[in-house]
């Protein structure tokens, strides 16, 4: 989580479970790892995810700084709303429902009908 341009931004980073079977065996899957090797493989997977997140955020900030895009456009889904939920968590269910129903929100509201005297 960080704050920038008067916005609070949060990224949820799912880390692998230590109990994941992928860490219990060597990459070939033929041999079991010892506890130290098992823990080291899990730590490496966690570090890889942190590095990937750092690269994503740096790339977004660079795009904003160079004027390719705006802060809000790059981080919109991750901006925290006053209720504590991100914009993405608010919007995702509506997007899925609209695609499932085939009923999309109009891009523009219909023009207001003028009342004639």
PDB file of N, CA and C in Angstrom:
ATOM      1  N   UNK A   1       0.846  -1.167   0.000  1.00  0.00           N
ATOM      2  CA  UNK A   1       0.000   0.000   0.000  1.00  0.00           C
ATOM      3  C   UNK A   1       0.891   1.230   0.000  1.00  0.00           C
ATOM      4  N   UNK A   2       0.452   2.256  -0.732  1.00  0.00           N
ATOM      5  CA  UNK A   2       1.154   3.528  -0.709  1.00  0.00           C
ATOM      6  C   UNK A   2       0.159   4.632  -1.034  1.00  0.00           C
ATOM      7  N   UNK A   3       0.564   5.855  -0.778  1.00  0.00           N
ATOM      8  CA  UNK A   3      -0.259   7.009  -1.109  1.00  0.00           C
ATOM      9  C   UNK A   3       0.499   7.877  -2.098  1.00  0.00           C
ATOM     10  N   UNK A   4      -0.229   8.352  -3.109  1.00  0.00           N
ATOM     11  CA  UNK A   4       0.344   9.245  -4.112  1.00  0.00           C
ATOM     12  C   UNK A   4      -0.795  10.031  -4.737  1.00  0.00           C
ATOM     13  N   UNK A   5      -0.535  11.278  -5.063  1.00  0.00           N
ATOM     14  CA  UNK A   5      -1.510  12.154  -5.699  1.00  0.00           C
ATOM     15  C   UNK A   5      -2.848  12.135  -4.956  1.00  0.00           C
ATOM     16  N   UNK A   6      -2.774  12.229  -3.647  1.00  0.00           N
ATOM     17  CA  UNK A   6      -3.950  12.245  -2.778  1.00  0.00           C
ATOM     18  C   UNK A   6      -4.821  10.996  -2.909  1.00  0.00           C
ATOM     19  N   UNK A   7      -4.228   9.896  -3.284  1.00  0.00           N
ATOM     20  CA  UNK A   7      -4.955   8.629  -3.401  1.00  0.00           C
ATOM     21  C   UNK A   7      -4.204   7.551  -2.626  1.00  0.00           C
ATOM     22  N   UNK A   8      -4.950   6.660  -2.026  1.00  0.00           N
ATOM     23  CA  UNK A   8      -4.352   5.488  -1.383  1.00  0.00           C
ATOM     24  C   UNK A   8      -4.485   4.330  -2.372  1.00  0.00           C
ATOM     25  N   UNK A   9      -3.381   3.660  -2.609  1.00  0.00           N
ATOM     26  CA  UNK A   9      -3.328   2.581  -3.591  1.00  0.00           C
ATOM     27  C   UNK A   9      -2.883   1.308  -2.879  1.00  0.00           C
ATOM     28  N   UNK A  10      -3.563   0.203  -3.173  1.00  0.00           N
ATOM     29  CA  UNK A  10      -3.185  -1.065  -2.559  1.00  0.00           C
ATOM     30  C   UNK A  10      -3.107  -2.149  -3.641  1.00  0.00           C
ATOM     31  N   UNK A  11      -2.071  -2.942  -3.554  1.00  0.00           N
ATOM     32  CA  UNK A  11      -1.922  -4.126  -4.400  1.00  0.00           C
ATOM     33  C   UNK A  11      -1.941  -5.329  -3.466  1.00  0.00           C
ATOM     34  N   UNK A  12      -2.789  -6.287  -3.757  1.00  0.00           N
ATOM     35  CA  UNK A  12      -2.807  -7.522  -2.980  1.00  0.00           C
ATOM     36  C   UNK A  12      -1.900  -8.514  -3.685  1.00  0.00           C
ATOM     37  N   UNK A  13      -0.913  -8.989  -2.963  1.00  0.00           N
ATOM     38  CA  UNK A  13       0.070  -9.898  -3.554  1.00  0.00           C
ATOM     39  C   UNK A  13      -0.109 -11.295  -2.973  1.00  0.00           C
ATOM     40  N   UNK A  14      -0.733 -12.185  -3.732  1.00  0.00           N
ATOM     41  CA  UNK A  14      -0.876 -13.553  -3.221  1.00  0.00           C
ATOM     42  C   UNK A  14       0.476 -14.263  -3.230  1.00  0.00           C
ATOM     43  N   UNK A  15       0.859 -14.754  -2.083  1.00  0.00           N
ATOM     44  CA  UNK A  15       2.115 -15.498  -1.963  1.00  0.00           C
ATOM     45  C   UNK A  15       1.803 -16.987  -1.934  1.00  0.00           C
ATOM     46  N   UNK A  16       2.737 -17.804  -2.404  1.00  0.00           N
ATOM     47  CA  UNK A  16       2.484 -19.248  -2.410  1.00  0.00           C
ATOM     48  C   UNK A  16       2.412 -19.801  -0.986  1.00  0.00           C
ATOM     49  N   UNK A  17       1.640 -20.827  -0.826  1.00  0.00           N
ATOM     50  CA  UNK A  17       1.542 -21.509   0.465  1.00  0.00           C
ATOM     51  C   UNK A  17       2.810 -22.333   0.685  1.00  0.00           C
ATOM     52  N   UNK A  18       3.284 -22.337   1.912  1.00  0.00           N
ATOM     53  CA  UNK A  18       4.469 -23.148   2.221  1.00  0.00           C
ATOM     54  C   UNK A  18       4.185 -24.627   2.032  1.00  0.00           C
ATOM     55  N   UNK A  19       2.945 -25.008   2.119  1.00  0.00           N
ATOM     56  CA  UNK A  19       2.582 -26.423   2.003  1.00  0.00           C
ATOM     57  C   UNK A  19       2.396 -26.870   0.557  1.00  0.00           C
ATOM     58  N   UNK A  20       2.604 -25.987  -0.395  1.00  0.00           N
ATOM     59  CA  UNK A  20       2.424 -26.310  -1.805  1.00  0.00           C
ATOM     60  C   UNK A  20       3.341 -27.468  -2.196  1.00  0.00           C
ATOM     61  N   UNK A  21       2.781 -28.422  -2.901  1.00  0.00           N
ATOM     62  CA  UNK A  21       3.535 -29.614  -3.322  1.00  0.00           C
ATOM     63  C   UNK A  21       4.723 -29.265  -4.220  1.00  0.00           C
ATOM     64  N   UNK A  22       4.642 -28.160  -4.942  1.00  0.00           N
ATOM     65  CA  UNK A  22       5.720 -27.780  -5.858  1.00  0.00           C
ATOM     66  C   UNK A  22       7.038 -27.572  -5.122  1.00  0.00           C
ATOM     67  N   UNK A  23       7.002 -27.212  -3.852  1.00  0.00           N
ATOM     68  CA  UNK A  23       8.230 -26.956  -3.097  1.00  0.00           C
ATOM     69  C   UNK A  23       8.773 -28.213  -2.428  1.00  0.00           C
ATOM     70  N   UNK A  24       7.995 -29.259  -2.381  1.00  0.00           N
ATOM     71  CA  UNK A  24       8.410 -30.480  -1.685  1.00  0.00           C
ATOM     72  C   UNK A  24       9.324 -31.356  -2.530  1.00  0.00           C
ATOM     73  N   UNK A  25       9.329 -31.122  -3.850  1.00  0.00           N
ATOM     74  CA  UNK A  25      10.154 -31.932  -4.743  1.00  0.00           C
ATOM     75  C   UNK A  25      11.045 -31.029  -5.585  1.00  0.00           C
ATOM     76  N   UNK A  26      12.095 -31.583  -6.107  1.00  0.00           N
ATOM     77  CA  UNK A  26      13.002 -30.843  -6.992  1.00  0.00           C
ATOM     78  C   UNK A  26      12.253 -30.488  -8.274  1.00  0.00           C
ATOM     79  N   UNK A  27      12.792 -29.575  -9.085  1.00  0.00           N
ATOM     80  CA  UNK A  27      12.087 -29.176 -10.315  1.00  0.00           C
ATOM     81  C   UNK A  27      11.736 -30.345 -11.244  1.00  0.00           C
ATOM     82  N   UNK A  28      12.541 -31.387 -11.254  1.00  0.00           N
ATOM     83  CA  UNK A  28      12.216 -32.542 -12.096  1.00  0.00           C
ATOM     84  C   UNK A  28      11.094 -33.373 -11.487  1.00  0.00           C
ATOM     85  N   UNK A  29      10.874 -33.223 -10.184  1.00  0.00           N
ATOM     86  CA  UNK A  29       9.825 -33.966  -9.500  1.00  0.00           C
ATOM     87  C   UNK A  29      10.233 -35.350  -9.060  1.00  0.00           C
ATOM     88  N   UNK A  30      11.483 -35.726  -9.319  1.00  0.00           N
ATOM     89  CA  UNK A  30      11.928 -37.087  -8.997  1.00  0.00           C
ATOM     90  C   UNK A  30      12.363 -37.255  -7.551  1.00  0.00           C
ATOM     91  N   UNK A  31      12.917 -36.183  -6.977  1.00  0.00           N
ATOM     92  CA  UNK A  31      13.464 -36.298  -5.628  1.00  0.00           C
ATOM     93  C   UNK A  31      12.742 -35.366  -4.669  1.00  0.00           C
ATOM     94  N   UNK A  32      12.630 -35.857  -3.415  1.00  0.00           N
ATOM     95  CA  UNK A  32      12.076 -35.000  -2.367  1.00  0.00           C
ATOM     96  C   UNK A  32      13.160 -34.048  -1.897  1.00  0.00           C
ATOM     97  N   UNK A  33      12.763 -32.839  -1.534  1.00  0.00           N
ATOM     98  CA  UNK A  33      13.710 -31.865  -0.999  1.00  0.00           C
ATOM     99  C   UNK A  33      13.833 -32.055   0.504  1.00  0.00           C
ATOM    100  N   UNK A  34      15.000 -31.698   1.020  1.00  0.00           N
ATOM    101  CA  UNK A  34      15.151 -31.691   2.474  1.00  0.00           C
ATOM    102  C   UNK A  34      14.498 -30.418   3.003  1.00  0.00           C
ATOM    103  N   UNK A  35      14.230 -30.317   4.313  1.00  0.00           N
ATOM    104  CA  UNK A  35      13.520 -29.148   4.847  1.00  0.00           C
ATOM    105  C   UNK A  35      14.183 -27.804   4.515  1.00  0.00           C
ATOM    106  N   UNK A  36      15.510 -27.742   4.549  1.00  0.00           N
ATOM    107  CA  UNK A  36      16.184 -26.479   4.225  1.00  0.00           C
ATOM    108  C   UNK A  36      15.977 -26.096   2.763  1.00  0.00           C
ATOM    109  N   UNK A  37      16.093 -27.070   1.881  1.00  0.00           N
ATOM    110  CA  UNK A  37      15.918 -26.832   0.455  1.00  0.00           C
ATOM    111  C   UNK A  37      14.463 -26.476   0.143  1.00  0.00           C
ATOM    112  N   UNK A  38      13.545 -27.130   0.820  1.00  0.00           N
ATOM    113  CA  UNK A  38      12.118 -26.860   0.663  1.00  0.00           C
ATOM    114  C   UNK A  38      11.817 -25.413   1.031  1.00  0.00           C
ATOM    115  N   UNK A  39      12.334 -24.960   2.173  1.00  0.00           N
ATOM    116  CA  UNK A  39      12.090 -23.597   2.633  1.00  0.00           C
ATOM    117  C   UNK A  39      12.748 -22.582   1.694  1.00  0.00           C
ATOM    118  N   UNK A  40      13.941 -22.880   1.222  1.00  0.00           N
ATOM    119  CA  UNK A  40      14.639 -21.978   0.298  1.00  0.00           C
ATOM    120  C   UNK A  40      13.862 -21.825  -1.010  1.00  0.00           C
ATOM    121  N   UNK A  41      13.273 -22.908  -1.504  1.00  0.00           N
ATOM    122  CA  UNK A  41      12.494 -22.837  -2.748  1.00  0.00           C
ATOM    123  C   UNK A  41      11.244 -21.976  -2.547  1.00  0.00           C
ATOM    124  N   UNK A  42      10.609 -22.128  -1.387  1.00  0.00           N
ATOM    125  CA  UNK A  42       9.426 -21.318  -1.089  1.00  0.00           C
ATOM    126  C   UNK A  42       9.807 -19.836  -0.986  1.00  0.00           C
ATOM    127  N   UNK A  43      10.899 -19.530  -0.285  1.00  0.00           N
ATOM    128  CA  UNK A  43      11.353 -18.139  -0.165  1.00  0.00           C
ATOM    129  C   UNK A  43      11.671 -17.542  -1.532  1.00  0.00           C
ATOM    130  N   UNK A  44      12.304 -18.321  -2.388  1.00  0.00           N
ATOM    131  CA  UNK A  44      12.640 -17.841  -3.727  1.00  0.00           C
ATOM    132  C   UNK A  44      11.374 -17.504  -4.505  1.00  0.00           C
ATOM    133  N   UNK A  45      10.350 -18.312  -4.401  1.00  0.00           N
ATOM    134  CA  UNK A  45       9.083 -18.051  -5.093  1.00  0.00           C
ATOM    135  C   UNK A  45       8.434 -16.771  -4.561  1.00  0.00           C
ATOM    136  N   UNK A  46       8.510 -16.560  -3.258  1.00  0.00           N
ATOM    137  CA  UNK A  46       7.961 -15.334  -2.665  1.00  0.00           C
ATOM    138  C   UNK A  46       8.728 -14.111  -3.152  1.00  0.00           C
ATOM    139  N   UNK A  47      10.054 -14.188  -3.162  1.00  0.00           N
ATOM    140  CA  UNK A  47      10.876 -13.062  -3.634  1.00  0.00           C
ATOM    141  C   UNK A  47      10.582 -12.749  -5.103  1.00  0.00           C
ATOM    142  N   UNK A  48      10.369 -13.778  -5.899  1.00  0.00           N
ATOM    143  CA  UNK A  48      10.070 -13.573  -7.318  1.00  0.00           C
ATOM    144  C   UNK A  48       8.782 -12.773  -7.478  1.00  0.00           C
ATOM    145  N   UNK A  49       7.780 -13.069  -6.679  1.00  0.00           N
ATOM    146  CA  UNK A  49       6.513 -12.329  -6.761  1.00  0.00           C
ATOM    147  C   UNK A  49       6.701 -10.874  -6.330  1.00  0.00           C
ATOM    148  N   UNK A  50       7.495 -10.644  -5.270  1.00  0.00           N
ATOM    149  CA  UNK A  50       7.761  -9.271  -4.828  1.00  0.00           C
ATOM    150  C   UNK A  50       8.502  -8.487  -5.907  1.00  0.00           C
ATOM    151  N   UNK A  51       9.471  -9.139  -6.576  1.00  0.00           N
ATOM    152  CA  UNK A  51      10.194  -8.463  -7.661  1.00  0.00           C
ATOM    153  C   UNK A  51       9.256  -8.106  -8.805  1.00  0.00           C
ATOM    154  N   UNK A  52       8.364  -9.019  -9.148  1.00  0.00           N
ATOM    155  CA  UNK A  52       7.417  -8.760 -10.237  1.00  0.00           C
ATOM    156  C   UNK A  52       6.503  -7.590  -9.887  1.00  0.00           C
ATOM    157  N   UNK A  53       6.030  -7.536  -8.648  1.00  0.00           N
ATOM    158  CA  UNK A  53       5.175  -6.426  -8.234  1.00  0.00           C
ATOM    159  C   UNK A  53       5.934  -5.109  -8.299  1.00  0.00           C
ATOM    160  N   UNK A  54       7.167  -5.099  -7.834  1.00  0.00           N
ATOM    161  CA  UNK A  54       7.977  -3.875  -7.889  1.00  0.00           C
ATOM    162  C   UNK A  54       8.154  -3.402  -9.326  1.00  0.00           C
ATOM    163  N   UNK A  55       8.401  -4.329 -10.248  1.00  0.00           N
ATOM    164  CA  UNK A  55       8.553  -3.965 -11.662  1.00  0.00           C
ATOM    165  C   UNK A  55       7.265  -3.383 -12.232  1.00  0.00           C
ATOM    166  N   UNK A  56       6.135  -3.966 -11.882  1.00  0.00           N
ATOM    167  CA  UNK A  56       4.853  -3.457 -12.378  1.00  0.00           C
ATOM    168  C   UNK A  56       4.622  -2.029 -11.901  1.00  0.00           C
ATOM    169  N   UNK A  57       4.829  -1.796 -10.611  1.00  0.00           N
ATOM    170  CA  UNK A  57       4.596  -0.460 -10.061  1.00  0.00           C
ATOM    171  C   UNK A  57       5.565   0.548 -10.659  1.00  0.00           C
ATOM    172  N   UNK A  58       6.843   0.172 -10.785  1.00  0.00           N
ATOM    173  CA  UNK A  58       7.822   1.082 -11.388  1.00  0.00           C
ATOM    174  C   UNK A  58       7.448   1.425 -12.823  1.00  0.00           C
ATOM    175  N   UNK A  59       7.002   0.432 -13.581  1.00  0.00           N
ATOM    176  CA  UNK A  59       6.621   0.677 -14.978  1.00  0.00           C
ATOM    177  C   UNK A  59       5.413   1.615 -15.051  1.00  0.00           C
ATOM    178  N   UNK A  60       4.448   1.420 -14.179  1.00  0.00           N
ATOM    179  CA  UNK A  60       3.283   2.303 -14.163  1.00  0.00           C
ATOM    180  C   UNK A  60       3.687   3.734 -13.820  1.00  0.00           C
ATOM    181  N   UNK A  61       4.520   3.887 -12.809  1.00  0.00           N
ATOM    182  CA  UNK A  61       4.958   5.228 -12.414  1.00  0.00           C
ATOM    183  C   UNK A  61       5.781   5.895 -13.513  1.00  0.00           C
ATOM    184  N   UNK A  62       6.592   5.130 -14.211  1.00  0.00           N
ATOM    185  CA  UNK A  62       7.378   5.672 -15.326  1.00  0.00           C
ATOM    186  C   UNK A  62       6.453   6.132 -16.451  1.00  0.00           C
ATOM    187  N   UNK A  63       5.428   5.348 -16.749  1.00  0.00           N
ATOM    188  CA  UNK A  63       4.473   5.733 -17.794  1.00  0.00           C
ATOM    189  C   UNK A  63       3.740   7.016 -17.424  1.00  0.00           C
ATOM    190  N   UNK A  64       3.417   7.173 -16.143  1.00  0.00           N
ATOM    191  CA  UNK A  64       2.757   8.397 -15.687  1.00  0.00           C
ATOM    192  C   UNK A  64       3.714   9.575 -15.786  1.00  0.00           C
ATOM    193  N   UNK A  65       4.948   9.380 -15.325  1.00  0.00           N
ATOM    194  CA  UNK A  65       5.937  10.469 -15.320  1.00  0.00           C
ATOM    195  C   UNK A  65       6.256  10.974 -16.722  1.00  0.00           C
ATOM    196  N   UNK A  66       6.284  10.080 -17.689  1.00  0.00           N
ATOM    197  CA  UNK A  66       6.612  10.485 -19.052  1.00  0.00           C
ATOM    198  C   UNK A  66       5.399  10.971 -19.836  1.00  0.00           C
ATOM    199  N   UNK A  67       4.218  10.933 -19.218  1.00  0.00           N
ATOM    200  CA  UNK A  67       3.020  11.451 -19.865  1.00  0.00           C
ATOM    201  C   UNK A  67       2.327  10.475 -20.800  1.00  0.00           C
ATOM    202  N   UNK A  68       2.715   9.216 -20.767  1.00  0.00           N
ATOM    203  CA  UNK A  68       2.065   8.214 -21.616  1.00  0.00           C
ATOM    204  C   UNK A  68       0.627   8.000 -21.155  1.00  0.00           C
ATOM    205  N   UNK A  69       0.425   8.070 -19.862  1.00  0.00           N
ATOM    206  CA  UNK A  69      -0.890   7.830 -19.271  1.00  0.00           C
ATOM    207  C   UNK A  69      -1.017   8.672 -18.010  1.00  0.00           C
ATOM    208  N   UNK A  70      -2.134   8.573 -17.341  1.00  0.00           N
ATOM    209  CA  UNK A  70      -2.330   9.325 -16.099  1.00  0.00           C
ATOM    210  C   UNK A  70      -2.255   8.383 -14.905  1.00  0.00           C
ATOM    211  N   UNK A  71      -2.020   8.956 -13.751  1.00  0.00           N
ATOM    212  CA  UNK A  71      -1.950   8.167 -12.529  1.00  0.00           C
ATOM    213  C   UNK A  71      -3.254   7.387 -12.321  1.00  0.00           C
ATOM    214  N   UNK A  72      -4.366   8.073 -12.462  1.00  0.00           N
ATOM    215  CA  UNK A  72      -5.658   7.426 -12.217  1.00  0.00           C
ATOM    216  C   UNK A  72      -5.908   6.295 -13.220  1.00  0.00           C
ATOM    217  N   UNK A  73      -5.530   6.497 -14.482  1.00  0.00           N
ATOM    218  CA  UNK A  73      -5.733   5.432 -15.458  1.00  0.00           C
ATOM    219  C   UNK A  73      -4.886   4.204 -15.132  1.00  0.00           C
ATOM    220  N   UNK A  74      -3.661   4.413 -14.713  1.00  0.00           N
ATOM    221  CA  UNK A  74      -2.769   3.286 -14.421  1.00  0.00           C
ATOM    222  C   UNK A  74      -3.140   2.538 -13.148  1.00  0.00           C
ATOM    223  N   UNK A  75      -3.593   3.257 -12.141  1.00  0.00           N
ATOM    224  CA  UNK A  75      -3.810   2.638 -10.838  1.00  0.00           C
ATOM    225  C   UNK A  75      -5.281   2.519 -10.455  1.00  0.00           C
ATOM    226  N   UNK A  76      -6.192   2.807 -11.373  1.00  0.00           N
ATOM    227  CA  UNK A  76      -7.609   2.890 -11.058  1.00  0.00           C
ATOM    228  C   UNK A  76      -8.141   1.678 -10.288  1.00  0.00           C
ATOM    229  N   UNK A  77      -7.867   0.494 -10.749  1.00  0.00           N
ATOM    230  CA  UNK A  77      -8.401  -0.700 -10.093  1.00  0.00           C
ATOM    231  C   UNK A  77      -7.877  -0.878  -8.674  1.00  0.00           C
ATOM    232  N   UNK A  78      -6.750  -0.250  -8.361  1.00  0.00           N
ATOM    233  CA  UNK A  78      -6.106  -0.445  -7.058  1.00  0.00           C
ATOM    234  C   UNK A  78      -6.304   0.727  -6.098  1.00  0.00           C
ATOM    235  N   UNK A  79      -7.037   1.753  -6.524  1.00  0.00           N
ATOM    236  CA  UNK A  79      -7.294   2.902  -5.649  1.00  0.00           C
ATOM    237  C   UNK A  79      -8.315   2.501  -4.600  1.00  0.00           C
ATOM    238  N   UNK A  80      -8.004   2.826  -3.352  1.00  0.00           N
ATOM    239  CA  UNK A  80      -8.880   2.469  -2.238  1.00  0.00           C
ATOM    240  C   UNK A  80      -9.949   3.556  -2.081  1.00  0.00           C
ATOM    241  N   UNK A  81     -11.190   3.120  -2.041  1.00  0.00           N
ATOM    242  CA  UNK A  81     -12.327   4.023  -1.866  1.00  0.00           C
ATOM    243  C   UNK A  81     -12.540   4.274  -0.371  1.00  0.00           C
ATOM    244  N   UNK A  82     -13.338   5.269  -0.016  1.00  0.00           N
ATOM    245  CA  UNK A  82     -13.558   5.567   1.405  1.00  0.00           C
ATOM    246  C   UNK A  82     -14.088   4.389   2.228  1.00  0.00           C
ATOM    247  N   UNK A  83     -14.760   3.431   1.570  1.00  0.00           N
ATOM    248  CA  UNK A  83     -15.276   2.272   2.312  1.00  0.00           C
ATOM    249  C   UNK A  83     -14.220   1.193   2.538  1.00  0.00           C
ATOM    250  N   UNK A  84     -12.990   1.426   2.060  1.00  0.00           N
ATOM    251  CA  UNK A  84     -11.905   0.467   2.259  1.00  0.00           C
ATOM    252  C   UNK A  84     -11.747  -0.538   1.131  1.00  0.00           C
ATOM    253  N   UNK A  85     -12.689  -0.600   0.215  1.00  0.00           N
ATOM    254  CA  UNK A  85     -12.591  -1.510  -0.921  1.00  0.00           C
ATOM    255  C   UNK A  85     -11.945  -0.782  -2.093  1.00  0.00           C
ATOM    256  N   UNK A  86     -11.283  -1.530  -2.953  1.00  0.00           N
ATOM    257  CA  UNK A  86     -10.674  -0.920  -4.135  1.00  0.00           C
ATOM    258  C   UNK A  86     -11.739  -0.707  -5.210  1.00  0.00           C
ATOM    259  N   UNK A  87     -11.433   0.164  -6.151  1.00  0.00           N
ATOM    260  CA  UNK A  87     -12.334   0.402  -7.277  1.00  0.00           C
ATOM    261  C   UNK A  87     -12.558  -0.912  -8.026  1.00  0.00           C
ATOM    262  N   UNK A  88     -11.503  -1.684  -8.197  1.00  0.00           N
ATOM    263  CA  UNK A  88     -11.621  -2.964  -8.894  1.00  0.00           C
ATOM    264  C   UNK A  88     -12.609  -3.899  -8.238  1.00  0.00           C
ATOM    265  N   UNK A  89     -12.590  -3.981  -6.906  1.00  0.00           N
ATOM    266  CA  UNK A  89     -13.530  -4.868  -6.206  1.00  0.00           C
ATOM    267  C   UNK A  89     -14.966  -4.373  -6.351  1.00  0.00           C
ATOM    268  N   UNK A  90     -15.141  -3.077  -6.472  1.00  0.00           N
ATOM    269  CA  UNK A  90     -16.481  -2.537  -6.691  1.00  0.00           C
ATOM    270  C   UNK A  90     -16.977  -2.847  -8.103  1.00  0.00           C
ATOM    271  N   UNK A  91     -16.099  -2.745  -9.079  1.00  0.00           N
ATOM    272  CA  UNK A  91     -16.499  -2.801 -10.484  1.00  0.00           C
ATOM    273  C   UNK A  91     -16.540  -4.220 -11.068  1.00  0.00           C
ATOM    274  N   UNK A  92     -15.627  -5.091 -10.658  1.00  0.00           N
ATOM    275  CA  UNK A  92     -15.533  -6.420 -11.278  1.00  0.00           C
ATOM    276  C   UNK A  92     -16.855  -7.177 -11.333  1.00  0.00           C
ATOM    277  N   UNK A  93     -17.638  -7.228 -10.252  1.00  0.00           N
ATOM    278  CA  UNK A  93     -18.915  -7.960 -10.339  1.00  0.00           C
ATOM    279  C   UNK A  93     -19.869  -7.363 -11.377  1.00  0.00           C
ATOM    280  N   UNK A  94     -19.872  -6.045 -11.508  1.00  0.00           N
ATOM    281  CA  UNK A  94     -20.752  -5.404 -12.485  1.00  0.00           C
ATOM    282  C   UNK A  94     -20.314  -5.722 -13.909  1.00  0.00           C
ATOM    283  N   UNK A  95     -19.012  -5.743 -14.146  1.00  0.00           N
ATOM    284  CA  UNK A  95     -18.510  -6.070 -15.485  1.00  0.00           C
ATOM    285  C   UNK A  95     -18.920  -7.488 -15.857  1.00  0.00           C
ATOM    286  N   UNK A  96     -18.711  -8.423 -14.945  1.00  0.00           N
ATOM    287  CA  UNK A  96     -19.064  -9.820 -15.211  1.00  0.00           C
ATOM    288  C   UNK A  96     -20.562  -9.963 -15.464  1.00  0.00           C
ATOM    289  N   UNK A  97     -21.387  -9.270 -14.675  1.00  0.00           N
ATOM    290  CA  UNK A  97     -22.841  -9.353 -14.848  1.00  0.00           C
ATOM    291  C   UNK A  97     -23.279  -8.772 -16.194  1.00  0.00           C
ATOM    292  N   UNK A  98     -22.673  -7.664 -16.591  1.00  0.00           N
ATOM    293  CA  UNK A  98     -23.047  -7.058 -17.872  1.00  0.00           C
ATOM    294  C   UNK A  98     -22.683  -7.965 -19.043  1.00  0.00           C
ATOM    295  N   UNK A  99     -21.524  -8.580 -18.996  1.00  0.00           N
ATOM    296  CA  UNK A  99     -21.138  -9.478 -20.080  1.00  0.00           C
ATOM    297  C   UNK A  99     -22.001 -10.734 -20.084  1.00  0.00           C
ATOM    298  N   UNK A 100     -22.340 -11.236 -18.899  1.00  0.00           N
ATOM    299  CA  UNK A 100     -23.175 -12.441 -18.812  1.00  0.00           C
ATOM    300  C   UNK A 100     -24.576 -12.171 -19.350  1.00  0.00           C
ATOM    301  N   UNK A 101     -25.121 -10.997 -19.056  1.00  0.00           N
ATOM    302  CA  UNK A 101     -26.476 -10.670 -19.499  1.00  0.00           C
ATOM    303  C   UNK A 101     -26.512 -10.132 -20.925  1.00  0.00           C
ATOM    304  N   UNK A 102     -25.383  -9.640 -21.394  1.00  0.00           N
ATOM    305  CA  UNK A 102     -25.345  -9.022 -22.715  1.00  0.00           C
ATOM    306  C   UNK A 102     -25.870  -7.600 -22.715  1.00  0.00           C
ATOM    307  N   UNK A 103     -26.238  -7.101 -21.542  1.00  0.00           N
ATOM    308  CA  UNK A 103     -26.758  -5.737 -21.428  1.00  0.00           C
ATOM    309  C   UNK A 103     -25.648  -4.836 -20.923  1.00  0.00           C
ATOM    310  N   UNK A 104     -25.145  -4.024 -21.820  1.00  0.00           N
ATOM    311  CA  UNK A 104     -24.053  -3.128 -21.477  1.00  0.00           C
ATOM    312  C   UNK A 104     -24.601  -1.760 -21.123  1.00  0.00           C
ATOM    313  N   UNK A 105     -23.893  -1.074 -20.262  1.00  0.00           N
ATOM    314  CA  UNK A 105     -24.244   0.296 -19.949  1.00  0.00           C
ATOM    315  C   UNK A 105     -24.018   1.131 -21.200  1.00  0.00           C
ATOM    316  N   UNK A 106     -24.927   2.043 -21.514  1.00  0.00           N
ATOM    317  CA  UNK A 106     -24.676   2.909 -22.666  1.00  0.00           C
ATOM    318  C   UNK A 106     -23.470   3.801 -22.405  1.00  0.00           C
ATOM    319  N   UNK A 107     -22.753   4.132 -23.464  1.00  0.00           N
ATOM    320  CA  UNK A 107     -21.585   4.983 -23.310  1.00  0.00           C
ATOM    321  C   UNK A 107     -21.992   6.389 -22.881  1.00  0.00           C
ATOM    322  N   UNK A 108     -23.100   6.862 -23.412  1.00  0.00           N
ATOM    323  CA  UNK A 108     -23.607   8.182 -23.049  1.00  0.00           C
ATOM    324  C   UNK A 108     -25.061   8.039 -22.638  1.00  0.00           C
ATOM    325  N   UNK A 109     -25.522   8.861 -21.701  1.00  0.00           N
ATOM    326  CA  UNK A 109     -26.936   8.792 -21.353  1.00  0.00           C
ATOM    327  C   UNK A 109     -27.766   9.320 -22.521  1.00  0.00           C
ATOM    328  N   UNK A 110     -29.009   8.859 -22.627  1.00  0.00           N
ATOM    329  CA  UNK A 110     -29.841   9.375 -23.722  1.00  0.00           C
ATOM    330  C   UNK A 110     -30.087  10.863 -23.537  1.00  0.00           C
ATOM    331  N   UNK A 111     -30.271  11.578 -24.623  1.00  0.00           N
ATOM    332  CA  UNK A 111     -30.503  13.012 -24.487  1.00  0.00           C
ATOM    333  C   UNK A 111     -31.811  13.288 -23.752  1.00  0.00           C
ATOM    334  N   UNK A 112     -31.812  14.345 -22.974  1.00  0.00           N
ATOM    335  CA  UNK A 112     -33.019  14.731 -22.241  1.00  0.00           C
ATOM    336  C   UNK A 112     -34.041  15.274 -23.216  1.00  0.00           C
ATOM    337  N   UNK A 113     -35.266  14.879 -23.000  1.00  0.00           N
ATOM    338  CA  UNK A 113     -36.342  15.387 -23.867  1.00  0.00           C
ATOM    339  C   UNK A 113     -36.690  16.801 -23.416  1.00  0.00           C
ATOM    340  N   UNK A 114     -36.790  17.661 -24.397  1.00  0.00           N
ATOM    341  CA  UNK A 114     -37.140  19.061 -24.097  1.00  0.00           C
ATOM    342  C   UNK A 114     -38.643  19.182 -23.970  1.00  0.00           C
ATOM    343  N   UNK A 115     -39.045  19.957 -22.983  1.00  0.00           N
ATOM    344  CA  UNK A 115     -40.480  20.226 -22.827  1.00  0.00           C
ATOM    345  C   UNK A 115     -40.809  21.454 -23.648  1.00  0.00           C
ATOM    346  N   UNK A 116     -41.819  21.351 -24.455  1.00  0.00           N
ATOM    347  CA  UNK A 116     -42.237  22.496 -25.267  1.00  0.00           C
ATOM    348  C   UNK A 116     -43.423  23.188 -24.595  1.00  0.00           C
ATOM    349  N   UNK A 117     -43.406  24.499 -24.649  1.00  0.00           N
ATOM    350  CA  UNK A 117     -44.507  25.231 -24.006  1.00  0.00           C
ATOM    351  C   UNK A 117     -45.818  25.077 -24.718  1.00  0.00           C
TER     352      UNK A 117
END
